[in-house]
Amino acid sequence: MTSFVTPDEQNYYRAAALKAGLKLLKAGIKPNRKWTKTNALAAAGEITKPPRAYRKVDIDLAIADLDHWLKQRQASPVIGVQDLPVVNG
């Protein structure tokens, strides 16, 4: 089972799910009742911190920014739970 313990891991998962949800919204599919373009773009703005807030027409830009953000996080080493030393005793 995979668990996301640290805030970095949680933000990474959130960004990946948000990117997939934005792609669905772009195609006209709502992943959930609460997923609107406005709410999803606001959440994307919290992660990517753009110079100005995303508007509904900026959905492609938000997807590209989230993709760039995710690739940056993949390149940087993050210590996960599996990397911690095992303590016996």
PDB file of N, CA and C in Angstrom:
ATOM      1  N   MET A   1       0.840  -1.172   0.000  1.00  0.00           N
ATOM      2  CA  MET A   1       0.000   0.000   0.000  1.00  0.00           C
ATOM      3  C   MET A   1       0.887   1.237   0.000  1.00  0.00           C
ATOM      4  N   THR A   2       0.521   2.217  -0.757  1.00  0.00           N
ATOM      5  CA  THR A   2       1.269   3.461  -0.826  1.00  0.00           C
ATOM      6  C   THR A   2       0.612   4.480   0.085  1.00  0.00           C
ATOM      7  N   SER A   3       1.444   5.169   0.844  1.00  0.00           N
ATOM      8  CA  SER A   3       0.906   6.238   1.690  1.00  0.00           C
ATOM      9  C   SER A   3       1.706   7.503   1.430  1.00  0.00           C
ATOM     10  N   PHE A   4       1.022   8.623   1.526  1.00  0.00           N
ATOM     11  CA  PHE A   4       1.637   9.926   1.308  1.00  0.00           C
ATOM     12  C   PHE A   4       1.694  10.630   2.652  1.00  0.00           C
ATOM     13  N   VAL A   5       2.855  10.586   3.278  1.00  0.00           N
ATOM     14  CA  VAL A   5       2.994  11.013   4.657  1.00  0.00           C
ATOM     15  C   VAL A   5       3.415  12.479   4.765  1.00  0.00           C
ATOM     16  N   THR A   6       4.428  12.847   4.045  1.00  0.00           N
ATOM     17  CA  THR A   6       4.956  14.199   4.181  1.00  0.00           C
ATOM     18  C   THR A   6       4.111  15.182   3.368  1.00  0.00           C
ATOM     19  N   PRO A   7       4.155  16.454   3.735  1.00  0.00           N
ATOM     20  CA  PRO A   7       3.412  17.453   2.952  1.00  0.00           C
ATOM     21  C   PRO A   7       3.852  17.520   1.494  1.00  0.00           C
ATOM     22  N   ASP A   8       5.135  17.267   1.209  1.00  0.00           N
ATOM     23  CA  ASP A   8       5.609  17.254  -0.171  1.00  0.00           C
ATOM     24  C   ASP A   8       4.945  16.140  -0.973  1.00  0.00           C
ATOM     25  N   GLU A   9       4.852  14.971  -0.363  1.00  0.00           N
ATOM     26  CA  GLU A   9       4.205  13.845  -1.037  1.00  0.00           C
ATOM     27  C   GLU A   9       2.718  14.102  -1.245  1.00  0.00           C
ATOM     28  N   GLN A  10       2.086  14.706  -0.263  1.00  0.00           N
ATOM     29  CA  GLN A  10       0.658  15.009  -0.368  1.00  0.00           C
ATOM     30  C   GLN A  10       0.402  16.041  -1.462  1.00  0.00           C
ATOM     31  N   ASN A  11       1.252  17.066  -1.536  1.00  0.00           N
ATOM     32  CA  ASN A  11       1.097  18.069  -2.588  1.00  0.00           C
ATOM     33  C   ASN A  11       1.356  17.475  -3.964  1.00  0.00           C
ATOM     34  N   TYR A  12       2.296  16.544  -4.052  1.00  0.00           N
ATOM     35  CA  TYR A  12       2.582  15.903  -5.334  1.00  0.00           C
ATOM     36  C   TYR A  12       1.364  15.115  -5.805  1.00  0.00           C
ATOM     37  N   TYR A  13       0.776  14.339  -4.912  1.00  0.00           N
ATOM     38  CA  TYR A  13      -0.411  13.567  -5.270  1.00  0.00           C
ATOM     39  C   TYR A  13      -1.570  14.496  -5.632  1.00  0.00           C
ATOM     40  N   ARG A  14      -1.739  15.548  -4.869  1.00  0.00           N
ATOM     41  CA  ARG A  14      -2.808  16.509  -5.136  1.00  0.00           C
ATOM     42  C   ARG A  14      -2.638  17.140  -6.523  1.00  0.00           C
ATOM     43  N   ALA A  15      -1.407  17.503  -6.858  1.00  0.00           N
ATOM     44  CA  ALA A  15      -1.144  18.111  -8.166  1.00  0.00           C
ATOM     45  C   ALA A  15      -1.405  17.125  -9.300  1.00  0.00           C
ATOM     46  N   ALA A  16      -1.024  15.863  -9.115  1.00  0.00           N
ATOM     47  CA  ALA A  16      -1.247  14.862 -10.156  1.00  0.00           C
ATOM     48  C   ALA A  16      -2.745  14.612 -10.360  1.00  0.00           C
ATOM     49  N   ALA A  17      -3.497  14.519  -9.268  1.00  0.00           N
ATOM     50  CA  ALA A  17      -4.942  14.313  -9.378  1.00  0.00           C
ATOM     51  C   ALA A  17      -5.616  15.540  -9.986  1.00  0.00           C
ATOM     52  N   LEU A  18      -5.140  16.711  -9.617  1.00  0.00           N
ATOM     53  CA  LEU A  18      -5.704  17.952 -10.140  1.00  0.00           C
ATOM     54  C   LEU A  18      -5.442  18.094 -11.634  1.00  0.00           C
ATOM     55  N   LYS A  19      -4.263  17.712 -12.069  1.00  0.00           N
ATOM     56  CA  LYS A  19      -3.939  17.764 -13.500  1.00  0.00           C
ATOM     57  C   LYS A  19      -4.872  16.851 -14.286  1.00  0.00           C
ATOM     58  N   ALA A  20      -5.101  15.647 -13.773  1.00  0.00           N
ATOM     59  CA  ALA A  20      -6.009  14.710 -14.449  1.00  0.00           C
ATOM     60  C   ALA A  20      -7.438  15.256 -14.448  1.00  0.00           C
ATOM     61  N   GLY A  21      -7.850  15.861 -13.334  1.00  0.00           N
ATOM     62  CA  GLY A  21      -9.192  16.438 -13.259  1.00  0.00           C
ATOM     63  C   GLY A  21      -9.376  17.608 -14.209  1.00  0.00           C
ATOM     64  N   LEU A  22      -8.345  18.432 -14.358  1.00  0.00           N
ATOM     65  CA  LEU A  22      -8.425  19.556 -15.292  1.00  0.00           C
ATOM     66  C   LEU A  22      -8.555  19.070 -16.731  1.00  0.00           C
ATOM     67  N   LYS A  23      -7.872  17.973 -17.043  1.00  0.00           N
ATOM     68  CA  LYS A  23      -7.999  17.415 -18.388  1.00  0.00           C
ATOM     69  C   LYS A  23      -9.426  16.938 -18.635  1.00  0.00           C
ATOM     70  N   LEU A  24     -10.038  16.333 -17.621  1.00  0.00           N
ATOM     71  CA  LEU A  24     -11.429  15.905 -17.758  1.00  0.00           C
ATOM     72  C   LEU A  24     -12.362  17.098 -17.912  1.00  0.00           C
ATOM     73  N   LEU A  25     -12.142  18.124 -17.101  1.00  0.00           N
ATOM     74  CA  LEU A  25     -12.978  19.329 -17.193  1.00  0.00           C
ATOM     75  C   LEU A  25     -12.843  19.997 -18.556  1.00  0.00           C
ATOM     76  N   LYS A  26     -11.648  19.966 -19.098  1.00  0.00           N
ATOM     77  CA  LYS A  26     -11.425  20.544 -20.418  1.00  0.00           C
ATOM     78  C   LYS A  26     -12.236  19.804 -21.476  1.00  0.00           C
ATOM     79  N   ALA A  27     -12.386  18.487 -21.294  1.00  0.00           N
ATOM     80  CA  ALA A  27     -13.148  17.673 -22.234  1.00  0.00           C
ATOM     81  C   ALA A  27     -14.656  17.753 -21.978  1.00  0.00           C
ATOM     82  N   GLY A  28     -15.049  18.431 -20.890  1.00  0.00           N
ATOM     83  CA  GLY A  28     -16.468  18.583 -20.592  1.00  0.00           C
ATOM     84  C   GLY A  28     -17.010  17.566 -19.612  1.00  0.00           C
ATOM     85  N   ILE A  29     -16.130  16.832 -18.941  1.00  0.00           N
ATOM     86  CA  ILE A  29     -16.548  15.815 -17.977  1.00  0.00           C
ATOM     87  C   ILE A  29     -16.244  16.323 -16.570  1.00  0.00           C
ATOM     88  N   LYS A  30     -17.239  16.301 -15.685  1.00  0.00           N
ATOM     89  CA  LYS A  30     -17.015  16.696 -14.301  1.00  0.00           C
ATOM     90  C   LYS A  30     -16.645  15.457 -13.489  1.00  0.00           C
ATOM     91  N   PRO A  31     -15.446  15.423 -12.901  1.00  0.00           N
ATOM     92  CA  PRO A  31     -15.036  14.266 -12.107  1.00  0.00           C
ATOM     93  C   PRO A  31     -15.885  14.089 -10.844  1.00  0.00           C
ATOM     94  N   ASN A  32     -16.442  15.188 -10.365  1.00  0.00           N
ATOM     95  CA  ASN A  32     -17.183  15.179  -9.109  1.00  0.00           C
ATOM     96  C   ASN A  32     -18.130  16.370  -9.135  1.00  0.00           C
ATOM     97  N   ARG A  33     -19.131  16.347  -8.307  1.00  0.00           N
ATOM     98  CA  ARG A  33     -20.089  17.444  -8.259  1.00  0.00           C
ATOM     99  C   ARG A  33     -19.428  18.774  -7.879  1.00  0.00           C
ATOM    100  N   LYS A  34     -18.459  18.725  -6.989  1.00  0.00           N
ATOM    101  CA  LYS A  34     -17.806  19.956  -6.524  1.00  0.00           C
ATOM    102  C   LYS A  34     -16.689  20.437  -7.449  1.00  0.00           C
ATOM    103  N   TRP A  35     -16.325  19.626  -8.432  1.00  0.00           N
ATOM    104  CA  TRP A  35     -15.245  20.008  -9.343  1.00  0.00           C
ATOM    105  C   TRP A  35     -15.805  20.922 -10.420  1.00  0.00           C
ATOM    106  N   THR A  36     -15.605  22.200 -10.240  1.00  0.00           N
ATOM    107  CA  THR A  36     -15.920  23.159 -11.293  1.00  0.00           C
ATOM    108  C   THR A  36     -14.602  23.688 -11.834  1.00  0.00           C
ATOM    109  N   LYS A  37     -14.639  24.299 -12.998  1.00  0.00           N
ATOM    110  CA  LYS A  37     -13.408  24.866 -13.548  1.00  0.00           C
ATOM    111  C   LYS A  37     -12.831  25.902 -12.600  1.00  0.00           C
ATOM    112  N   THR A  38     -13.702  26.727 -12.019  1.00  0.00           N
ATOM    113  CA  THR A  38     -13.235  27.783 -11.113  1.00  0.00           C
ATOM    114  C   THR A  38     -12.542  27.199  -9.897  1.00  0.00           C
ATOM    115  N   ASN A  39     -13.163  26.193  -9.262  1.00  0.00           N
ATOM    116  CA  ASN A  39     -12.557  25.580  -8.076  1.00  0.00           C
ATOM    117  C   ASN A  39     -11.245  24.868  -8.413  1.00  0.00           C
ATOM    118  N   ALA A  40     -11.226  24.157  -9.526  1.00  0.00           N
ATOM    119  CA  ALA A  40     -10.015  23.430  -9.911  1.00  0.00           C
ATOM    120  C   ALA A  40      -8.879  24.384 -10.259  1.00  0.00           C
ATOM    121  N   LEU A  41      -9.195  25.459 -10.956  1.00  0.00           N
ATOM    122  CA  LEU A  41      -8.154  26.423 -11.308  1.00  0.00           C
ATOM    123  C   LEU A  41      -7.644  27.170 -10.072  1.00  0.00           C
ATOM    124  N   ALA A  42      -8.521  27.413  -9.113  1.00  0.00           N
ATOM    125  CA  ALA A  42      -8.073  28.041  -7.860  1.00  0.00           C
ATOM    126  C   ALA A  42      -7.128  27.109  -7.104  1.00  0.00           C
ATOM    127  N   ALA A  43      -7.446  25.816  -7.078  1.00  0.00           N
ATOM    128  CA  ALA A  43      -6.568  24.840  -6.420  1.00  0.00           C
ATOM    129  C   ALA A  43      -5.229  24.729  -7.151  1.00  0.00           C
ATOM    130  N   ALA A  44      -5.262  24.778  -8.473  1.00  0.00           N
ATOM    131  CA  ALA A  44      -4.015  24.741  -9.248  1.00  0.00           C
ATOM    132  C   ALA A  44      -3.169  25.970  -8.946  1.00  0.00           C
ATOM    133  N   GLY A  45      -3.810  27.113  -8.762  1.00  0.00           N
ATOM    134  CA  GLY A  45      -3.092  28.335  -8.426  1.00  0.00           C
ATOM    135  C   GLY A  45      -2.428  28.271  -7.063  1.00  0.00           C
ATOM    136  N   GLU A  46      -3.052  27.539  -6.117  1.00  0.00           N
ATOM    137  CA  GLU A  46      -2.444  27.373  -4.795  1.00  0.00           C
ATOM    138  C   GLU A  46      -1.147  26.568  -4.893  1.00  0.00           C
ATOM    139  N   ILE A  47      -1.094  25.639  -5.826  1.00  0.00           N
ATOM    140  CA  ILE A  47       0.089  24.794  -5.966  1.00  0.00           C
ATOM    141  C   ILE A  47       1.178  25.486  -6.785  1.00  0.00           C
ATOM    142  N   THR A  48       0.804  26.039  -7.944  1.00  0.00           N
ATOM    143  CA  THR A  48       1.821  26.575  -8.854  1.00  0.00           C
ATOM    144  C   THR A  48       2.183  28.026  -8.587  1.00  0.00           C
ATOM    145  N   LYS A  49       1.360  28.737  -7.856  1.00  0.00           N
ATOM    146  CA  LYS A  49       1.604  30.147  -7.507  1.00  0.00           C
ATOM    147  C   LYS A  49       1.898  31.012  -8.744  1.00  0.00           C
ATOM    148  N   PRO A  50       0.924  31.134  -9.666  1.00  0.00           N
ATOM    149  CA  PRO A  50       1.149  31.952 -10.865  1.00  0.00           C
ATOM    150  C   PRO A  50       1.147  33.441 -10.517  1.00  0.00           C
ATOM    151  N   PRO A  51       1.665  34.296 -11.399  1.00  0.00           N
ATOM    152  CA  PRO A  51       1.696  35.732 -11.123  1.00  0.00           C
ATOM    153  C   PRO A  51       0.289  36.343 -11.016  1.00  0.00           C
ATOM    154  N   ARG A  52      -0.672  35.777 -11.715  1.00  0.00           N
ATOM    155  CA  ARG A  52      -2.062  36.214 -11.566  1.00  0.00           C
ATOM    156  C   ARG A  52      -2.938  34.971 -11.536  1.00  0.00           C
ATOM    157  N   ALA A  53      -4.131  35.108 -10.990  1.00  0.00           N
ATOM    158  CA  ALA A  53      -5.020  33.955 -10.847  1.00  0.00           C
ATOM    159  C   ALA A  53      -5.428  33.416 -12.214  1.00  0.00           C
ATOM    160  N   TYR A  54      -5.594  32.113 -12.289  1.00  0.00           N
ATOM    161  CA  TYR A  54      -6.057  31.496 -13.527  1.00  0.00           C
ATOM    162  C   TYR A  54      -7.517  31.869 -13.779  1.00  0.00           C
ATOM    163  N   ARG A  55      -7.843  32.095 -15.039  1.00  0.00           N
ATOM    164  CA  ARG A  55      -9.232  32.300 -15.451  1.00  0.00           C
ATOM    165  C   ARG A  55      -9.696  31.043 -16.174  1.00  0.00           C
ATOM    166  N   LYS A  56     -10.981  30.955 -16.473  1.00  0.00           N
ATOM    167  CA  LYS A  56     -11.514  29.755 -17.113  1.00  0.00           C
ATOM    168  C   LYS A  56     -10.851  29.458 -18.451  1.00  0.00           C
ATOM    169  N   VAL A  57     -10.425  30.489 -19.147  1.00  0.00           N
ATOM    170  CA  VAL A  57      -9.776  30.277 -20.448  1.00  0.00           C
ATOM    171  C   VAL A  57      -8.328  29.823 -20.301  1.00  0.00           C
ATOM    172  N   ASP A  58      -7.793  29.838 -19.090  1.00  0.00           N
ATOM    173  CA  ASP A  58      -6.396  29.471 -18.834  1.00  0.00           C
ATOM    174  C   ASP A  58      -6.238  28.003 -18.461  1.00  0.00           C
ATOM    175  N   ILE A  59      -7.192  27.164 -18.797  1.00  0.00           N
ATOM    176  CA  ILE A  59      -7.128  25.768 -18.365  1.00  0.00           C
ATOM    177  C   ILE A  59      -5.910  25.047 -18.963  1.00  0.00           C
ATOM    178  N   ASP A  60      -5.570  25.344 -20.226  1.00  0.00           N
ATOM    179  CA  ASP A  60      -4.373  24.734 -20.829  1.00  0.00           C
ATOM    180  C   ASP A  60      -3.099  25.198 -20.135  1.00  0.00           C
ATOM    181  N   LEU A  61      -3.054  26.463 -19.774  1.00  0.00           N
ATOM    182  CA  LEU A  61      -1.895  27.004 -19.056  1.00  0.00           C
ATOM    183  C   LEU A  61      -1.757  26.353 -17.685  1.00  0.00           C
ATOM    184  N   ALA A  62      -2.867  26.161 -16.997  1.00  0.00           N
ATOM    185  CA  ALA A  62      -2.828  25.528 -15.680  1.00  0.00           C
ATOM    186  C   ALA A  62      -2.346  24.084 -15.788  1.00  0.00           C
ATOM    187  N   ILE A  63      -2.807  23.357 -16.806  1.00  0.00           N
ATOM    188  CA  ILE A  63      -2.350  21.980 -17.002  1.00  0.00           C
ATOM    189  C   ILE A  63      -0.845  21.953 -17.283  1.00  0.00           C
ATOM    190  N   ALA A  64      -0.385  22.868 -18.122  1.00  0.00           N
ATOM    191  CA  ALA A  64       1.049  22.930 -18.444  1.00  0.00           C
ATOM    192  C   ALA A  64       1.873  23.316 -17.209  1.00  0.00           C
ATOM    193  N   ASP A  65       1.380  24.258 -16.420  1.00  0.00           N
ATOM    194  CA  ASP A  65       2.090  24.657 -15.201  1.00  0.00           C
ATOM    195  C   ASP A  65       2.156  23.516 -14.193  1.00  0.00           C
ATOM    196  N   LEU A  66       1.053  22.770 -14.042  1.00  0.00           N
ATOM    197  CA  LEU A  66       1.064  21.631 -13.131  1.00  0.00           C
ATOM    198  C   LEU A  66       2.018  20.549 -13.629  1.00  0.00           C
ATOM    199  N   ASP A  67       2.046  20.322 -14.934  1.00  0.00           N
ATOM    200  CA  ASP A  67       2.970  19.339 -15.506  1.00  0.00           C
ATOM    201  C   ASP A  67       4.419  19.741 -15.235  1.00  0.00           C
ATOM    202  N   HIS A  68       4.729  21.016 -15.426  1.00  0.00           N
ATOM    203  CA  HIS A  68       6.080  21.518 -15.154  1.00  0.00           C
ATOM    204  C   HIS A  68       6.409  21.375 -13.670  1.00  0.00           C
ATOM    205  N   TRP A  69       5.463  21.705 -12.800  1.00  0.00           N
ATOM    206  CA  TRP A  69       5.656  21.610 -11.348  1.00  0.00           C
ATOM    207  C   TRP A  69       5.923  20.156 -10.952  1.00  0.00           C
ATOM    208  N   LEU A  70       5.152  19.229 -11.534  1.00  0.00           N
ATOM    209  CA  LEU A  70       5.342  17.813 -11.212  1.00  0.00           C
ATOM    210  C   LEU A  70       6.698  17.303 -11.694  1.00  0.00           C
ATOM    211  N   LYS A  71       7.120  17.723 -12.879  1.00  0.00           N
ATOM    212  CA  LYS A  71       8.417  17.288 -13.394  1.00  0.00           C
ATOM    213  C   LYS A  71       9.565  17.837 -12.563  1.00  0.00           C
ATOM    214  N   GLN A  72       9.424  19.059 -12.065  1.00  0.00           N
ATOM    215  CA  GLN A  72      10.451  19.621 -11.179  1.00  0.00           C
ATOM    216  C   GLN A  72      10.556  18.800  -9.906  1.00  0.00           C
ATOM    217  N   ARG A  73       9.429  18.391  -9.359  1.00  0.00           N
ATOM    218  CA  ARG A  73       9.434  17.614  -8.118  1.00  0.00           C
ATOM    219  C   ARG A  73       9.991  16.218  -8.347  1.00  0.00           C
ATOM    220  N   GLN A  74       9.766  15.646  -9.536  1.00  0.00           N
ATOM    221  CA  GLN A  74      10.334  14.329  -9.831  1.00  0.00           C
ATOM    222  C   GLN A  74      11.846  14.393  -9.923  1.00  0.00           C
ATOM    223  N   ALA A  75      12.365  15.498 -10.432  1.00  0.00           N
ATOM    224  CA  ALA A  75      13.814  15.642 -10.601  1.00  0.00           C
ATOM    225  C   ALA A  75      14.518  15.866  -9.271  1.00  0.00           C
ATOM    226  N   SER A  76      13.845  16.506  -8.318  1.00  0.00           N
ATOM    227  CA  SER A  76      14.492  16.782  -7.035  1.00  0.00           C
ATOM    228  C   SER A  76      14.293  15.592  -6.100  1.00  0.00           C
ATOM    229  N   PRO A  77      15.344  15.192  -5.433  1.00  0.00           N
ATOM    230  CA  PRO A  77      15.224  14.048  -4.528  1.00  0.00           C
ATOM    231  C   PRO A  77      14.428  14.422  -3.274  1.00  0.00           C
ATOM    232  N   VAL A  78      13.465  13.593  -2.971  1.00  0.00           N
ATOM    233  CA  VAL A  78      12.660  13.783  -1.775  1.00  0.00           C
ATOM    234  C   VAL A  78      12.811  12.531  -0.930  1.00  0.00           C
ATOM    235  N   ILE A  79      13.032  12.720   0.357  1.00  0.00           N
ATOM    236  CA  ILE A  79      13.177  11.571   1.245  1.00  0.00           C
ATOM    237  C   ILE A  79      11.786  11.074   1.585  1.00  0.00           C
ATOM    238  N   GLY A  80      11.526   9.846   1.231  1.00  0.00           N
ATOM    239  CA  GLY A  80      10.237   9.235   1.524  1.00  0.00           C
ATOM    240  C   GLY A  80      10.351   8.301   2.703  1.00  0.00           C
ATOM    241  N   VAL A  81       9.249   7.743   3.099  1.00  0.00           N
ATOM    242  CA  VAL A  81       9.228   6.826   4.232  1.00  0.00           C
ATOM    243  C   VAL A  81      10.092   5.605   3.949  1.00  0.00           C
ATOM    244  N   GLN A  82      10.077   5.125   2.715  1.00  0.00           N
ATOM    245  CA  GLN A  82      10.853   3.941   2.380  1.00  0.00           C
ATOM    246  C   GLN A  82      12.353   4.191   2.467  1.00  0.00           C
ATOM    247  N   ASP A  83      12.783   5.445   2.465  1.00  0.00           N
ATOM    248  CA  ASP A  83      14.205   5.776   2.522  1.00  0.00           C
ATOM    249  C   ASP A  83      14.732   5.925   3.948  1.00  0.00           C
ATOM    250  N   LEU A  84      13.842   5.947   4.915  1.00  0.00           N
ATOM    251  CA  LEU A  84      14.260   6.112   6.304  1.00  0.00           C
ATOM    252  C   LEU A  84      14.900   4.831   6.825  1.00  0.00           C
ATOM    253  N   PRO A  85      15.870   4.943   7.725  1.00  0.00           N
ATOM    254  CA  PRO A  85      16.510   3.744   8.246  1.00  0.00           C
ATOM    255  C   PRO A  85      15.554   2.942   9.121  1.00  0.00           C
ATOM    256  N   VAL A  86      15.714   1.638   9.108  1.00  0.00           N
ATOM    257  CA  VAL A  86      14.883   0.758   9.909  1.00  0.00           C
ATOM    258  C   VAL A  86      15.523   0.615  11.271  1.00  0.00           C
ATOM    259  N   VAL A  87      14.734   0.842  12.311  1.00  0.00           N
ATOM    260  CA  VAL A  87      15.232   0.719  13.679  1.00  0.00           C
ATOM    261  C   VAL A  87      14.624  -0.536  14.293  1.00  0.00           C
ATOM    262  N   ASN A  88      15.471  -1.460  14.670  1.00  0.00           N
ATOM    263  CA  ASN A  88      15.001  -2.693  15.312  1.00  0.00           C
ATOM    264  C   ASN A  88      15.120  -2.525  16.815  1.00  0.00           C
ATOM    265  N   GLY A  89      14.073  -2.947  17.476  1.00  0.00           N
ATOM    266  CA  GLY A  89      14.218  -2.902  18.913  1.00  0.00           C
ATOM    267  C   GLY A  89      13.050  -2.411  19.559  1.00  0.00           C
TER     268      GLY A  89
END
